[in-house]
C-alpha atoms as a PDB file:
ATOM      1  CA  ALA A   1     -29.192  36.302 -87.877  1.00  0.00           C
ATOM      2  CA  ALA A   2     -28.457  39.377 -89.978  1.00  0.00           C
ATOM      3  CA  PHE A   3     -25.047  39.618 -88.349  1.00  0.00           C
ATOM      4  CA  ILE A   4     -24.202  36.052 -89.369  1.00  0.00           C
ATOM      5  CA  ALA A   5     -25.527  36.565 -92.900  1.00  0.00           C
ATOM      6  CA  LEU A   6     -23.452  39.738 -93.282  1.00  0.00           C
ATOM      7  CA  TYR A   7     -20.321  37.988 -92.082  1.00  0.00           C
ATOM      8  CA  MET A   8     -20.875  34.923 -94.261  1.00  0.00           C
ATOM      9  CA  THR A   9     -21.521  37.084 -97.319  1.00  0.00           C
ATOM     10  CA  THR A  10     -18.735  39.627 -96.985  1.00  0.00           C
ATOM     11  CA  GLN A  11     -16.050  37.446 -95.500  1.00  0.00           C
ATOM     12  CA  ILE A  12     -16.662  34.053 -97.062  1.00  0.00           C
ATOM     13  CA  ALA A  13     -19.121  33.950 -99.984  1.00  0.00           C
ATOM     14  CA  VAL A  14     -17.880  36.915-102.021  1.00  0.00           C
ATOM     15  CA  PRO A  15     -14.155  36.084-101.730  1.00  0.00           C
ATOM     16  CA  TYR A  16     -14.922  32.406-102.396  1.00  0.00           C
ATOM     17  CA  VAL A  17     -16.801  33.249-105.592  1.00  0.00           C
ATOM     18  CA  LYS A  18     -13.995  35.556-106.751  1.00  0.00           C
ATOM     19  CA  LEU A  19     -11.390  32.865-106.144  1.00  0.00           C
ATOM     20  CA  THR A  20     -13.548  30.288-107.918  1.00  0.00           C
ATOM     21  CA  ARG A  21     -13.806  32.573-110.965  1.00  0.00           C
ATOM     22  CA  ASP A  22     -10.031  33.065-110.949  1.00  0.00           C
ATOM     23  CA  ILE A  23      -9.543  29.299-110.757  1.00  0.00           C
ATOM     24  CA  LYS A  24     -11.928  28.765-113.679  1.00  0.00           C
ATOM     25  CA  ARG A  25     -10.008  31.326-115.778  1.00  0.00           C
ATOM     26  CA  MET A  26      -6.716  29.637-114.910  1.00  0.00           C
ATOM     27  CA  VAL A  27      -8.049  26.192-115.814  1.00  0.00           C
ATOM     28  CA  ASP A  28      -9.229  27.577-119.161  1.00  0.00           C
ATOM     29  CA  ARG A  29      -5.838  29.246-119.709  1.00  0.00           C
ATOM     30  CA  GLU A  30      -4.057  25.985-118.908  1.00  0.00           C
ATOM     31  CA  LYS A  31      -6.233  24.075-121.381  1.00  0.00           C
ATOM     32  CA  SER A  32      -5.496  26.664-124.042  1.00  0.00           C
ATOM     33  CA  GLN A  33      -1.760  26.437-123.351  1.00  0.00           C
ATOM     34  CA  VAL A  34      -1.857  22.633-123.585  1.00  0.00           C
ATOM     35  CA  GLU A  35      -3.705  22.892-126.908  1.00  0.00           C
ATOM     36  CA  GLY A  36      -1.014  25.308-128.109  1.00  0.00           C
ATOM     37  CA  ARG A  37       1.655  22.816-127.134  1.00  0.00           C
ATOM     38  CA  LYS A  38      -0.183  20.054-129.008  1.00  0.00           C
ATOM     39  CA  ALA A  39      -0.403  22.285-132.080  1.00  0.00           C
ATOM     40  CA  THR A  40       3.354  22.874-131.872  1.00  0.00           C
ATOM     41  CA  TYR A  41       3.962  19.120-131.801  1.00  0.00           C
ATOM     42  CA  LYS A  42       1.657  18.711-134.796  1.00  0.00           C
ATOM     43  CA  ASP A  43       3.501  21.439-136.727  1.00  0.00           C
ATOM     44  CA  TYR A  44       6.824  19.781-135.962  1.00  0.00           C
ATOM     45  CA  PHE A  45       5.724  16.322-137.048  1.00  0.00           C
ATOM     46  CA  MET A  46       4.222  17.756-140.230  1.00  0.00           C
ATOM     47  CA  GLY A  47       7.573  19.349-141.014  1.00  0.00           C
ATOM     48  CA  LYS A  48       6.444  22.976-140.655  1.00  0.00           C
ATOM     49  CA  VAL A  49       8.967  23.688-137.876  1.00  0.00           C
ATOM     50  CA  ASP A  50      12.613  22.645-137.648  1.00  0.00           C
ATOM     51  CA  GLU A  51      13.938  20.783-134.602  1.00  0.00           C
ATOM     52  CA  LYS A  52      15.781  23.682-132.964  1.00  0.00           C
ATOM     53  CA  ALA A  53      12.796  26.055-133.218  1.00  0.00           C
ATOM     54  CA  PHE A  54      10.515  23.253-132.031  1.00  0.00           C
ATOM     55  CA  GLU A  55      12.603  22.640-128.914  1.00  0.00           C
ATOM     56  CA  GLU A  56      12.667  26.344-128.056  1.00  0.00           C
ATOM     57  CA  MET A  57       8.923  26.673-128.552  1.00  0.00           C
ATOM     58  CA  ILE A  58       8.187  23.584-126.456  1.00  0.00           C
ATOM     59  CA  ILE A  59      10.416  24.811-123.632  1.00  0.00           C
ATOM     60  CA  GLY A  60       8.597  28.167-123.634  1.00  0.00           C
ATOM     61  CA  LYS A  61       5.150  26.603-123.775  1.00  0.00           C
ATOM     62  CA  GLN A  62       5.963  24.086-121.050  1.00  0.00           C
ATOM     63  CA  SER A  63       7.272  26.895-118.863  1.00  0.00           C
ATOM     64  CA  GLU A  64       3.985  28.787-119.311  1.00  0.00           C
ATOM     65  CA  ILE A  65       1.969  25.672-118.473  1.00  0.00           C
ATOM     66  CA  LEU A  66       3.982  25.005-115.314  1.00  0.00           C
ATOM     67  CA  SER A  67       3.650  28.630-114.229  1.00  0.00           C
ATOM     68  CA  THR A  68      -0.113  28.487-114.720  1.00  0.00           C
ATOM     69  CA  LYS A  69      -0.333  25.189-112.814  1.00  0.00           C
ATOM     70  CA  GLY A  70       1.620  26.711-109.919  1.00  0.00           C
ATOM     71  CA  SER A  71      -0.654  29.757-109.823  1.00  0.00           C
ATOM     72  CA  LEU A  72      -3.687  27.499-110.042  1.00  0.00           C
ATOM     73  CA  ARG A  73      -2.512  25.360-107.142  1.00  0.00           C
ATOM     74  CA  HIS A  74      -1.853  28.518-105.093  1.00  0.00           C
ATOM     75  CA  LYS A  75      -5.373  29.861-105.788  1.00  0.00           C
ATOM     76  CA  MET A  76      -6.946  26.526-104.868  1.00  0.00           C
ATOM     77  CA  ASP A  77      -4.998  26.433-101.605  1.00  0.00           C
ATOM     78  CA  GLU A  78      -6.019  30.037-100.928  1.00  0.00           C
ATOM     79  CA  ARG A  79      -9.694  29.169-101.512  1.00  0.00           C
ATOM     80  CA  ASN A  80      -9.516  26.133 -99.231  1.00  0.00           C
ATOM     81  CA  ALA A  81      -7.789  28.146 -96.506  1.00  0.00           C
ATOM     82  CA  LEU A  82     -10.352  30.946 -96.817  1.00  0.00           C
ATOM     83  CA  VAL A  83     -13.216  28.834 -95.554  1.00  0.00           C
ATOM     84  CA  LYS A  84     -11.147  27.208 -92.844  1.00  0.00           C
ATOM     85  CA  ASP A  85      -9.693  30.506 -91.587  1.00  0.00           C
ATOM     86  CA  LYS A  86     -12.867  32.591 -91.782  1.00  0.00           C
ATOM     87  CA  LEU A  87     -15.016  30.094 -89.890  1.00  0.00           C
ATOM     88  CA  SER A  88     -12.860  30.296 -86.789  1.00  0.00           C
ATOM     89  CA  PRO A  89     -14.197  32.221 -83.781  1.00  0.00           C
ATOM     90  CA  ASN A  90     -11.108  34.432 -83.790  1.00  0.00           C
ATOM     91  CA  ALA A  91     -11.799  35.540 -87.362  1.00  0.00           C
ATOM     92  CA  VAL A  92     -15.328  36.601 -86.412  1.00  0.00           C
ATOM     93  CA  LYS A  93     -14.005  38.410 -83.345  1.00  0.00           C
ATOM     94  CA  ASP A  94     -11.393  40.240 -85.421  1.00  0.00           C
ATOM     95  CA  TRP A  95     -14.045  41.217 -87.963  1.00  0.00           C
ATOM     96  CA  VAL A  96     -16.255  42.666 -85.230  1.00  0.00           C
ATOM     97  CA  ILE A  97     -13.332  44.537 -83.662  1.00  0.00           C
ATOM     98  CA  SER A  98     -12.394  45.978 -87.067  1.00  0.00           C
ATOM     99  CA  GLY A  99     -15.820  47.539 -87.387  1.00  0.00           C
ATOM    100  CA  PHE A 100     -17.437  44.807 -89.502  1.00  0.00           C
ATOM    101  CA  GLY A 101     -15.022  45.423 -92.349  1.00  0.00           C
ATOM    102  CA  LEU A 102     -16.495  48.852 -92.960  1.00  0.00           C
ATOM    103  CA  ARG A 103     -13.130  50.600 -92.759  1.00  0.00           C
ATOM    104  CA  ARG A 104     -11.953  48.752 -95.828  1.00  0.00           C
ATOM    105  CA  VAL A 105     -15.194  49.462 -97.701  1.00  0.00           C
ATOM    106  CA  VAL A 106     -15.046  53.158 -96.847  1.00  0.00           C
ATOM    107  CA  ARG A 107     -11.363  53.300 -97.830  1.00  0.00           C
ATOM    108  CA  ASN A 108     -12.116  51.691-101.203  1.00  0.00           C
ATOM    109  CA  VAL A 109     -14.968  54.120-101.848  1.00  0.00           C
ATOM    110  CA  ILE A 110     -12.722  57.082-101.027  1.00  0.00           C
ATOM    111  CA  ILE A 111     -10.000  55.774-103.341  1.00  0.00           C
ATOM    112  CA  ARG A 112     -12.506  55.387-106.197  1.00  0.00           C
ATOM    113  CA  ILE A 113     -13.852  58.898-105.648  1.00  0.00           C
ATOM    114  CA  ARG A 114     -10.324  60.353-105.685  1.00  0.00           C
ATOM    115  CA  LYS A 115      -9.502  58.563-108.942  1.00  0.00           C
ATOM    116  CA  LYS A 116     -12.438  60.283-110.673  1.00  0.00           C
END
C-alpha cells in the first residue's frame, strides 16, 4: 500500500498539481490579455489612439493571446497525458527499475547544494 501511495504521489499527484497551477496562471494571463485588448478597442473608439497605432497594438495583443492559448492547450494536453501515461503498468515498472525515482531526487539535492 505504501508503495502505491508513493508512486501515486510522486509520479501523478505532484506533477498534476503543478500542471494545474500552471494552467490556472495561463488562464489568468489570457483573461488579462483579453482585457488589455478590450481596453485598446475602447481607447480607439474614444479617439485616444489613431488607426495605425491601434492596428499595430491589436496585432501585438492578438499575437500574445494566441501564443498564450497555444501554451495553455499544450499544458492541458500534457496534464491529460500524464494521468494516462503514468497509470500504465510499464510506467510503474520503469519507475521501480529506476530506483523509485530516487536518482532524480538525489541529483536535484546535489545540484541545490552545489549552487549554495
